[in-house]
Amino acid sequence: LKYTGVQAENAEDSERKDIFNTKS
């Protein structure tokens, strides 16, 4: 994706908390 100009972006709520969790 980076070769195409697409960058990874961290998803957060309006209070800057992570909303995609890698744990239970």
mmCIF file of all heavy atoms, coordinates in Angstrom:
data_MODEL
# 
_entry.id   MODEL 
# 
loop_
_atom_site.group_PDB 
_atom_site.id 
_atom_site.type_symbol 
_atom_site.label_atom_id 
_atom_site.label_alt_id 
_atom_site.label_comp_id 
_atom_site.label_asym_id 
_atom_site.label_entity_id 
_atom_site.label_seq_id 
_atom_site.pdbx_PDB_ins_code 
_atom_site.Cartn_x 
_atom_site.Cartn_y 
_atom_site.Cartn_z 
_atom_site.occupancy 
_atom_site.B_iso_or_equiv 
_atom_site.pdbx_formal_charge 
_atom_site.auth_seq_id 
_atom_site.auth_comp_id 
_atom_site.auth_asym_id 
_atom_site.auth_atom_id 
_atom_site.pdbx_PDB_model_num 
ATOM 1   N N   . LEU A 1 1  ? 0.824   -1.207  0.000  1.00 0.00 ? 1  LEU A N   1 
ATOM 2   C CA  . LEU A 1 1  ? 0.000   0.000   0.000  1.00 0.00 ? 1  LEU A CA  1 
ATOM 3   C C   . LEU A 1 1  ? 0.860   1.260   0.000  1.00 0.00 ? 1  LEU A C   1 
ATOM 4   O O   . LEU A 1 1  ? 0.517   2.266   -0.624 1.00 0.00 ? 1  LEU A O   1 
ATOM 5   C CB  . LEU A 1 1  ? -0.934  -0.003  1.208  1.00 0.00 ? 1  LEU A CB  1 
ATOM 6   C CG  . LEU A 1 1  ? -2.136  -0.938  1.109  1.00 0.00 ? 1  LEU A CG  1 
ATOM 7   C CD1 . LEU A 1 1  ? -2.844  -1.062  2.457  1.00 0.00 ? 1  LEU A CD1 1 
ATOM 8   C CD2 . LEU A 1 1  ? -3.125  -0.438  0.050  1.00 0.00 ? 1  LEU A CD2 1 
ATOM 9   N N   . LYS A 1 2  ? 1.995   1.194   0.682  1.00 0.00 ? 2  LYS A N   1 
ATOM 10  C CA  . LYS A 1 2  ? 2.866   2.367   0.757  1.00 0.00 ? 2  LYS A CA  1 
ATOM 11  C C   . LYS A 1 2  ? 3.422   2.719   -0.616 1.00 0.00 ? 2  LYS A C   1 
ATOM 12  O O   . LYS A 1 2  ? 3.629   3.884   -0.942 1.00 0.00 ? 2  LYS A O   1 
ATOM 13  C CB  . LYS A 1 2  ? 3.993   2.119   1.754  1.00 0.00 ? 2  LYS A CB  1 
ATOM 14  C CG  . LYS A 1 2  ? 4.556   3.394   2.360  1.00 0.00 ? 2  LYS A CG  1 
ATOM 15  C CD  . LYS A 1 2  ? 5.413   3.105   3.571  1.00 0.00 ? 2  LYS A CD  1 
ATOM 16  C CE  . LYS A 1 2  ? 5.869   4.407   4.231  1.00 0.00 ? 2  LYS A CE  1 
ATOM 17  N NZ  . LYS A 1 2  ? 6.737   4.156   5.393  1.00 0.00 ? 2  LYS A NZ  1 
ATOM 18  N N   . TYR A 1 3  ? 3.670   1.717   -1.424 1.00 0.00 ? 3  TYR A N   1 
ATOM 19  C CA  . TYR A 1 3  ? 4.132   1.966   -2.786 1.00 0.00 ? 3  TYR A CA  1 
ATOM 20  C C   . TYR A 1 3  ? 3.087   2.751   -3.587 1.00 0.00 ? 3  TYR A C   1 
ATOM 21  O O   . TYR A 1 3  ? 3.417   3.423   -4.560 1.00 0.00 ? 3  TYR A O   1 
ATOM 22  C CB  . TYR A 1 3  ? 4.419   0.649   -3.504 1.00 0.00 ? 3  TYR A CB  1 
ATOM 23  C CG  . TYR A 1 3  ? 5.825   0.144   -3.322 1.00 0.00 ? 3  TYR A CG  1 
ATOM 24  C CD1 . TYR A 1 3  ? 6.066   -1.089  -2.729 1.00 0.00 ? 3  TYR A CD1 1 
ATOM 25  C CD2 . TYR A 1 3  ? 6.926   0.881   -3.759 1.00 0.00 ? 3  TYR A CD2 1 
ATOM 26  C CE1 . TYR A 1 3  ? 7.363   -1.568  -2.565 1.00 0.00 ? 3  TYR A CE1 1 
ATOM 27  C CE2 . TYR A 1 3  ? 8.221   0.412   -3.594 1.00 0.00 ? 3  TYR A CE2 1 
ATOM 28  C CZ  . TYR A 1 3  ? 8.429   -0.817  -3.003 1.00 0.00 ? 3  TYR A CZ  1 
ATOM 29  O OH  . TYR A 1 3  ? 9.704   -1.288  -2.839 1.00 0.00 ? 3  TYR A OH  1 
ATOM 30  N N   . THR A 1 4  ? 1.815   2.635   -3.208 1.00 0.00 ? 4  THR A N   1 
ATOM 31  C CA  . THR A 1 4  ? 0.741   3.336   -3.931 1.00 0.00 ? 4  THR A CA  1 
ATOM 32  C C   . THR A 1 4  ? 0.401   4.677   -3.291 1.00 0.00 ? 4  THR A C   1 
ATOM 33  O O   . THR A 1 4  ? -0.546  5.339   -3.717 1.00 0.00 ? 4  THR A O   1 
ATOM 34  C CB  . THR A 1 4  ? -0.539  2.466   -3.963 1.00 0.00 ? 4  THR A CB  1 
ATOM 35  O OG1 . THR A 1 4  ? -1.140  2.439   -2.659 1.00 0.00 ? 4  THR A OG1 1 
ATOM 36  C CG2 . THR A 1 4  ? -0.239  1.051   -4.414 1.00 0.00 ? 4  THR A CG2 1 
ATOM 37  N N   . GLY A 1 5  ? 1.131   5.053   -2.244 1.00 0.00 ? 5  GLY A N   1 
ATOM 38  C CA  . GLY A 1 5  ? 0.871   6.329   -1.577 1.00 0.00 ? 5  GLY A CA  1 
ATOM 39  C C   . GLY A 1 5  ? -0.137  6.252   -0.461 1.00 0.00 ? 5  GLY A C   1 
ATOM 40  O O   . GLY A 1 5  ? -0.613  7.278   0.026  1.00 0.00 ? 5  GLY A O   1 
ATOM 41  N N   . VAL A 1 6  ? -0.477  5.046   -0.021 1.00 0.00 ? 6  VAL A N   1 
ATOM 42  C CA  . VAL A 1 6  ? -1.469  4.869   1.050  1.00 0.00 ? 6  VAL A CA  1 
ATOM 43  C C   . VAL A 1 6  ? -0.744  4.582   2.362  1.00 0.00 ? 6  VAL A C   1 
ATOM 44  O O   . VAL A 1 6  ? 0.043   3.629   2.449  1.00 0.00 ? 6  VAL A O   1 
ATOM 45  C CB  . VAL A 1 6  ? -2.456  3.721   0.730  1.00 0.00 ? 6  VAL A CB  1 
ATOM 46  C CG1 . VAL A 1 6  ? -3.488  3.585   1.839  1.00 0.00 ? 6  VAL A CG1 1 
ATOM 47  C CG2 . VAL A 1 6  ? -3.140  3.983   -0.607 1.00 0.00 ? 6  VAL A CG2 1 
ATOM 48  N N   . GLN A 1 7  ? -1.018  5.380   3.382  1.00 0.00 ? 7  GLN A N   1 
ATOM 49  C CA  . GLN A 1 7  ? -0.347  5.259   4.671  1.00 0.00 ? 7  GLN A CA  1 
ATOM 50  C C   . GLN A 1 7  ? -1.286  4.666   5.727  1.00 0.00 ? 7  GLN A C   1 
ATOM 51  O O   . GLN A 1 7  ? -2.486  4.927   5.721  1.00 0.00 ? 7  GLN A O   1 
ATOM 52  C CB  . GLN A 1 7  ? 0.106   6.645   5.148  1.00 0.00 ? 7  GLN A CB  1 
ATOM 53  C CG  . GLN A 1 7  ? 0.912   7.437   4.132  1.00 0.00 ? 7  GLN A CG  1 
ATOM 54  C CD  . GLN A 1 7  ? 2.291   6.876   3.919  1.00 0.00 ? 7  GLN A CD  1 
ATOM 55  O OE1 . GLN A 1 7  ? 2.873   6.308   4.836  1.00 0.00 ? 7  GLN A OE1 1 
ATOM 56  N NE2 . GLN A 1 7  ? 2.837   7.035   2.722  1.00 0.00 ? 7  GLN A NE2 1 
ATOM 57  N N   . ALA A 1 8  ? -0.719  3.894   6.629  1.00 0.00 ? 8  ALA A N   1 
ATOM 58  C CA  . ALA A 1 8  ? -1.500  3.354   7.749  1.00 0.00 ? 8  ALA A CA  1 
ATOM 59  C C   . ALA A 1 8  ? -1.837  4.477   8.721  1.00 0.00 ? 8  ALA A C   1 
ATOM 60  O O   . ALA A 1 8  ? -0.996  5.313   9.040  1.00 0.00 ? 8  ALA A O   1 
ATOM 61  C CB  . ALA A 1 8  ? -0.696  2.269   8.466  1.00 0.00 ? 8  ALA A CB  1 
ATOM 62  N N   . GLU A 1 9  ? -3.089  4.489   9.196  1.00 0.00 ? 9  GLU A N   1 
ATOM 63  C CA  . GLU A 1 9  ? -3.538  5.505   10.140 1.00 0.00 ? 9  GLU A CA  1 
ATOM 64  C C   . GLU A 1 9  ? -4.192  4.847   11.346 1.00 0.00 ? 9  GLU A C   1 
ATOM 65  O O   . GLU A 1 9  ? -5.046  3.971   11.191 1.00 0.00 ? 9  GLU A O   1 
ATOM 66  C CB  . GLU A 1 9  ? -4.529  6.463   9.472  1.00 0.00 ? 9  GLU A CB  1 
ATOM 67  C CG  . GLU A 1 9  ? -3.908  7.241   8.322  1.00 0.00 ? 9  GLU A CG  1 
ATOM 68  C CD  . GLU A 1 9  ? -4.888  8.209   7.680  1.00 0.00 ? 9  GLU A CD  1 
ATOM 69  O OE1 . GLU A 1 9  ? -5.671  7.746   6.829  1.00 0.00 ? 9  GLU A OE1 1 
ATOM 70  O OE2 . GLU A 1 9  ? -4.877  9.394   8.023  1.00 0.00 ? 9  GLU A OE2 1 
ATOM 71  N N   . ASN A 1 10 ? -3.789  5.261   12.540 1.00 0.00 ? 10 ASN A N   1 
ATOM 72  C CA  . ASN A 1 10 ? -4.335  4.685   13.761 1.00 0.00 ? 10 ASN A CA  1 
ATOM 73  C C   . ASN A 1 10 ? -5.748  5.220   14.007 1.00 0.00 ? 10 ASN A C   1 
ATOM 74  O O   . ASN A 1 10 ? -5.978  6.428   13.999 1.00 0.00 ? 10 ASN A O   1 
ATOM 75  C CB  . ASN A 1 10 ? -3.443  5.020   14.952 1.00 0.00 ? 10 ASN A CB  1 
ATOM 76  C CG  . ASN A 1 10 ? -3.787  4.183   16.167 1.00 0.00 ? 10 ASN A CG  1 
ATOM 77  O OD1 . ASN A 1 10 ? -3.732  2.961   16.120 1.00 0.00 ? 10 ASN A OD1 1 
ATOM 78  N ND2 . ASN A 1 10 ? -4.159  4.827   17.264 1.00 0.00 ? 10 ASN A ND2 1 
ATOM 79  N N   . ALA A 1 11 ? -6.696  4.328   14.227 1.00 0.00 ? 11 ALA A N   1 
ATOM 80  C CA  . ALA A 1 11 ? -8.093  4.723   14.441 1.00 0.00 ? 11 ALA A CA  1 
ATOM 81  C C   . ALA A 1 11 ? -8.347  5.008   15.919 1.00 0.00 ? 11 ALA A C   1 
ATOM 82  O O   . ALA A 1 11 ? -8.027  4.180   16.774 1.00 0.00 ? 11 ALA A O   1 
ATOM 83  C CB  . ALA A 1 11 ? -9.025  3.620   13.949 1.00 0.00 ? 11 ALA A CB  1 
ATOM 84  N N   . GLU A 1 12 ? -8.935  6.165   16.206 1.00 0.00 ? 12 GLU A N   1 
ATOM 85  C CA  . GLU A 1 12 ? -9.186  6.582   17.579 1.00 0.00 ? 12 GLU A CA  1 
ATOM 86  C C   . GLU A 1 12 ? -10.565 7.211   17.702 1.00 0.00 ? 12 GLU A C   1 
ATOM 87  O O   . GLU A 1 12 ? -11.140 7.659   16.715 1.00 0.00 ? 12 GLU A O   1 
ATOM 88  C CB  . GLU A 1 12 ? -8.122  7.609   18.008 1.00 0.00 ? 12 GLU A CB  1 
ATOM 89  C CG  . GLU A 1 12 ? -6.695  7.098   17.897 1.00 0.00 ? 12 GLU A CG  1 
ATOM 90  C CD  . GLU A 1 12 ? -5.668  8.218   17.985 1.00 0.00 ? 12 GLU A CD  1 
ATOM 91  O OE1 . GLU A 1 12 ? -6.079  9.407   17.958 1.00 0.00 ? 12 GLU A OE1 1 
ATOM 92  O OE2 . GLU A 1 12 ? -4.477  7.919   18.087 1.00 0.00 ? 12 GLU A OE2 1 
ATOM 93  N N   . ASP A 1 13 ? -11.086 7.242   18.933 1.00 0.00 ? 13 ASP A N   1 
ATOM 94  C CA  . ASP A 1 13 ? -12.339 7.953   19.149 1.00 0.00 ? 13 ASP A CA  1 
ATOM 95  C C   . ASP A 1 13 ? -12.049 9.439   19.342 1.00 0.00 ? 13 ASP A C   1 
ATOM 96  O O   . ASP A 1 13 ? -10.900 9.880   19.227 1.00 0.00 ? 13 ASP A O   1 
ATOM 97  C CB  . ASP A 1 13 ? -13.119 7.347   20.323 1.00 0.00 ? 13 ASP A CB  1 
ATOM 98  C CG  . ASP A 1 13 ? -12.423 7.537   21.672 1.00 0.00 ? 13 ASP A CG  1 
ATOM 99  O OD1 . ASP A 1 13 ? -11.465 8.331   21.763 1.00 0.00 ? 13 ASP A OD1 1 
ATOM 100 O OD2 . ASP A 1 13 ? -12.855 6.883   22.638 1.00 0.00 ? 13 ASP A OD2 1 
ATOM 101 N N   . SER A 1 14 ? -13.075 10.221  19.645 1.00 0.00 ? 14 SER A N   1 
ATOM 102 C CA  . SER A 1 14 ? -12.906 11.669  19.775 1.00 0.00 ? 14 SER A CA  1 
ATOM 103 C C   . SER A 1 14 ? -12.055 12.046  20.982 1.00 0.00 ? 14 SER A C   1 
ATOM 104 O O   . SER A 1 14 ? -11.591 13.182  21.094 1.00 0.00 ? 14 SER A O   1 
ATOM 105 C CB  . SER A 1 14 ? -14.277 12.347  19.873 1.00 0.00 ? 14 SER A CB  1 
ATOM 106 O OG  . SER A 1 14 ? -15.011 11.832  20.969 1.00 0.00 ? 14 SER A OG  1 
ATOM 107 N N   . GLU A 1 15 ? -11.831 11.084  21.895 1.00 0.00 ? 15 GLU A N   1 
ATOM 108 C CA  . GLU A 1 15 ? -10.975 11.331  23.063 1.00 0.00 ? 15 GLU A CA  1 
ATOM 109 C C   . GLU A 1 15 ? -9.586  10.715  22.877 1.00 0.00 ? 15 GLU A C   1 
ATOM 110 O O   . GLU A 1 15 ? -8.827  10.583  23.827 1.00 0.00 ? 15 GLU A O   1 
ATOM 111 C CB  . GLU A 1 15 ? -11.641 10.761  24.321 1.00 0.00 ? 15 GLU A CB  1 
ATOM 112 C CG  . GLU A 1 15 ? -12.973 11.419  24.653 1.00 0.00 ? 15 GLU A CG  1 
ATOM 113 C CD  . GLU A 1 15 ? -13.634 10.808  25.873 1.00 0.00 ? 15 GLU A CD  1 
ATOM 114 O OE1 . GLU A 1 15 ? -13.094 9.805   26.406 1.00 0.00 ? 15 GLU A OE1 1 
ATOM 115 O OE2 . GLU A 1 15 ? -14.669 11.323  26.300 1.00 0.00 ? 15 GLU A OE2 1 
ATOM 116 N N   . ARG A 1 16 ? -9.292  10.299  21.635 1.00 0.00 ? 16 ARG A N   1 
ATOM 117 C CA  . ARG A 1 16 ? -7.995  9.742   21.249 1.00 0.00 ? 16 ARG A CA  1 
ATOM 118 C C   . ARG A 1 16 ? -7.714  8.372   21.871 1.00 0.00 ? 16 ARG A C   1 
ATOM 119 O O   . ARG A 1 16 ? -6.555  7.969   22.027 1.00 0.00 ? 16 ARG A O   1 
ATOM 120 C CB  . ARG A 1 16 ? -6.851  10.718  21.558 1.00 0.00 ? 16 ARG A CB  1 
ATOM 121 C CG  . ARG A 1 16 ? -7.008  12.065  20.878 1.00 0.00 ? 16 ARG A CG  1 
ATOM 122 C CD  . ARG A 1 16 ? -5.771  12.927  21.045 1.00 0.00 ? 16 ARG A CD  1 
ATOM 123 N NE  . ARG A 1 16 ? -4.677  12.443  20.179 1.00 0.00 ? 16 ARG A NE  1 
ATOM 124 C CZ  . ARG A 1 16 ? -4.517  12.810  18.899 1.00 0.00 ? 16 ARG A CZ  1 
ATOM 125 N NH1 . ARG A 1 16 ? -5.372  13.641  18.348 1.00 0.00 ? 16 ARG A NH1 1 
ATOM 126 N NH2 . ARG A 1 16 ? -3.515  12.353  18.203 1.00 0.00 ? 16 ARG A NH2 1 
ATOM 127 N N   . LYS A 1 17 ? -8.762  7.641   22.204 1.00 0.00 ? 17 LYS A N   1 
ATOM 128 C CA  . LYS A 1 17 ? -8.594  6.265   22.671 1.00 0.00 ? 17 LYS A CA  1 
ATOM 129 C C   . LYS A 1 17 ? -8.642  5.328   21.465 1.00 0.00 ? 17 LYS A C   1 
ATOM 130 O O   . LYS A 1 17 ? -9.418  5.543   20.525 1.00 0.00 ? 17 LYS A O   1 
ATOM 131 C CB  . LYS A 1 17 ? -9.706  5.874   23.649 1.00 0.00 ? 17 LYS A CB  1 
ATOM 132 C CG  . LYS A 1 17 ? -9.640  6.557   25.001 1.00 0.00 ? 17 LYS A CG  1 
ATOM 133 C CD  . LYS A 1 17 ? -10.756 6.046   25.897 1.00 0.00 ? 17 LYS A CD  1 
ATOM 134 C CE  . LYS A 1 17 ? -10.729 6.694   27.269 1.00 0.00 ? 17 LYS A CE  1 
ATOM 135 N NZ  . LYS A 1 17 ? -11.845 6.208   28.117 1.00 0.00 ? 17 LYS A NZ  1 
ATOM 136 N N   . ASP A 1 18 ? -7.843  4.265   21.504 1.00 0.00 ? 18 ASP A N   1 
ATOM 137 C CA  . ASP A 1 18 ? -7.867  3.276   20.425 1.00 0.00 ? 18 ASP A CA  1 
ATOM 138 C C   . ASP A 1 18 ? -9.230  2.604   20.354 1.00 0.00 ? 18 ASP A C   1 
ATOM 139 O O   . ASP A 1 18 ? -9.837  2.301   21.388 1.00 0.00 ? 18 ASP A O   1 
ATOM 140 C CB  . ASP A 1 18 ? -6.788  2.212   20.657 1.00 0.00 ? 18 ASP A CB  1 
ATOM 141 C CG  . ASP A 1 18 ? -5.382  2.760   20.474 1.00 0.00 ? 18 ASP A CG  1 
ATOM 142 O OD1 . ASP A 1 18 ? -5.183  3.581   19.564 1.00 0.00 ? 18 ASP A OD1 1 
ATOM 143 O OD2 . ASP A 1 18 ? -4.494  2.362   21.249 1.00 0.00 ? 18 ASP A OD2 1 
ATOM 144 N N   . ILE A 1 19 ? -9.697  2.370   19.135 1.00 0.00 ? 19 ILE A N   1 
ATOM 145 C CA  . ILE A 1 19 ? -10.999 1.716   18.987 1.00 0.00 ? 19 ILE A CA  1 
ATOM 146 C C   . ILE A 1 19 ? -10.896 0.346   18.312 1.00 0.00 ? 19 ILE A C   1 
ATOM 147 O O   . ILE A 1 19 ? -11.865 -0.412  18.305 1.00 0.00 ? 19 ILE A O   1 
ATOM 148 C CB  . ILE A 1 19 ? -12.004 2.612   18.226 1.00 0.00 ? 19 ILE A CB  1 
ATOM 149 C CG1 . ILE A 1 19 ? -11.399 3.159   16.940 1.00 0.00 ? 19 ILE A CG1 1 
ATOM 150 C CG2 . ILE A 1 19 ? -12.462 3.745   19.128 1.00 0.00 ? 19 ILE A CG2 1 
ATOM 151 C CD1 . ILE A 1 19 ? -12.333 4.065   16.154 1.00 0.00 ? 19 ILE A CD1 1 
ATOM 152 N N   . PHE A 1 20 ? -9.729  0.035   17.749 1.00 0.00 ? 20 PHE A N   1 
ATOM 153 C CA  . PHE A 1 20 ? -9.465  -1.313  17.255 1.00 0.00 ? 20 PHE A CA  1 
ATOM 154 C C   . PHE A 1 20 ? -8.520  -1.960  18.261 1.00 0.00 ? 20 PHE A C   1 
ATOM 155 O O   . PHE A 1 20 ? -7.388  -1.506  18.429 1.00 0.00 ? 20 PHE A O   1 
ATOM 156 C CB  . PHE A 1 20 ? -8.824  -1.287  15.865 1.00 0.00 ? 20 PHE A CB  1 
ATOM 157 C CG  . PHE A 1 20 ? -9.769  -0.916  14.757 1.00 0.00 ? 20 PHE A CG  1 
ATOM 158 C CD1 . PHE A 1 20 ? -10.098 0.411   14.515 1.00 0.00 ? 20 PHE A CD1 1 
ATOM 159 C CD2 . PHE A 1 20 ? -10.340 -1.898  13.958 1.00 0.00 ? 20 PHE A CD2 1 
ATOM 160 C CE1 . PHE A 1 20 ? -10.971 0.764   13.502 1.00 0.00 ? 20 PHE A CE1 1 
ATOM 161 C CE2 . PHE A 1 20 ? -11.221 -1.566  12.936 1.00 0.00 ? 20 PHE A CE2 1 
ATOM 162 C CZ  . PHE A 1 20 ? -11.541 -0.226  12.709 1.00 0.00 ? 20 PHE A CZ  1 
ATOM 163 N N   . ASN A 1 21 ? -8.977  -3.002  18.935 1.00 0.00 ? 21 ASN A N   1 
ATOM 164 C CA  . ASN A 1 21 ? -8.201  -3.621  20.005 1.00 0.00 ? 21 ASN A CA  1 
ATOM 165 C C   . ASN A 1 21 ? -7.637  -4.973  19.577 1.00 0.00 ? 21 ASN A C   1 
ATOM 166 O O   . ASN A 1 21 ? -8.346  -5.785  18.986 1.00 0.00 ? 21 ASN A O   1 
ATOM 167 C CB  . ASN A 1 21 ? -9.077  -3.793  21.247 1.00 0.00 ? 21 ASN A CB  1 
ATOM 168 C CG  . ASN A 1 21 ? -9.525  -2.454  21.811 1.00 0.00 ? 21 ASN A CG  1 
ATOM 169 O OD1 . ASN A 1 21 ? -8.729  -1.695  22.352 1.00 0.00 ? 21 ASN A OD1 1 
ATOM 170 N ND2 . ASN A 1 21 ? -10.813 -2.161  21.684 1.00 0.00 ? 21 ASN A ND2 1 
ATOM 171 N N   . THR A 1 22 ? -6.384  -5.214  19.912 1.00 0.00 ? 22 THR A N   1 
ATOM 172 C CA  . THR A 1 22 ? -5.736  -6.478  19.562 1.00 0.00 ? 22 THR A CA  1 
ATOM 173 C C   . THR A 1 22 ? -5.745  -7.458  20.734 1.00 0.00 ? 22 THR A C   1 
ATOM 174 O O   . THR A 1 22 ? -5.060  -8.469  20.698 1.00 0.00 ? 22 THR A O   1 
ATOM 175 C CB  . THR A 1 22 ? -4.283  -6.222  19.107 1.00 0.00 ? 22 THR A CB  1 
ATOM 176 O OG1 . THR A 1 22 ? -3.586  -5.517  20.149 1.00 0.00 ? 22 THR A OG1 1 
ATOM 177 C CG2 . THR A 1 22 ? -4.253  -5.388  17.837 1.00 0.00 ? 22 THR A CG2 1 
ATOM 178 N N   . LYS A 1 23 ? -6.542  -7.129  21.766 1.00 0.00 ? 23 LYS A N   1 
ATOM 179 C CA  . LYS A 1 23 ? -6.698  -8.004  22.921 1.00 0.00 ? 23 LYS A CA  1 
ATOM 180 C C   . LYS A 1 23 ? -8.183  -8.137  23.254 1.00 0.00 ? 23 LYS A C   1 
ATOM 181 O O   . LYS A 1 23 ? -9.013  -7.380  22.761 1.00 0.00 ? 23 LYS A O   1 
ATOM 182 C CB  . LYS A 1 23 ? -5.942  -7.437  24.135 1.00 0.00 ? 23 LYS A CB  1 
ATOM 183 C CG  . LYS A 1 23 ? -4.442  -7.327  23.935 1.00 0.00 ? 23 LYS A CG  1 
ATOM 184 C CD  . LYS A 1 23 ? -3.764  -6.718  25.151 1.00 0.00 ? 23 LYS A CD  1 
ATOM 185 C CE  . LYS A 1 23 ? -2.260  -6.583  24.936 1.00 0.00 ? 23 LYS A CE  1 
ATOM 186 N NZ  . LYS A 1 23 ? -1.591  -5.964  26.103 1.00 0.00 ? 23 LYS A NZ  1 
ATOM 187 N N   . SER A 1 24 ? -8.500  -9.101  24.119 1.00 0.00 ? 24 SER A N   1 
ATOM 188 C CA  . SER A 1 24 ? -9.894  -9.300  24.535 1.00 0.00 ? 24 SER A CA  1 
ATOM 189 C C   . SER A 1 24 ? -10.289 -8.271  25.582 1.00 0.00 ? 24 SER A C   1 
ATOM 190 O O   . SER A 1 24 ? -9.426  -7.615  26.185 1.00 0.00 ? 24 SER A O   1 
ATOM 191 C CB  . SER A 1 24 ? -10.070 -10.705 25.108 1.00 0.00 ? 24 SER A CB  1 
ATOM 192 O OG  . SER A 1 24 ? -9.346  -10.821 26.324 1.00 0.00 ? 24 SER A OG  1 
# 
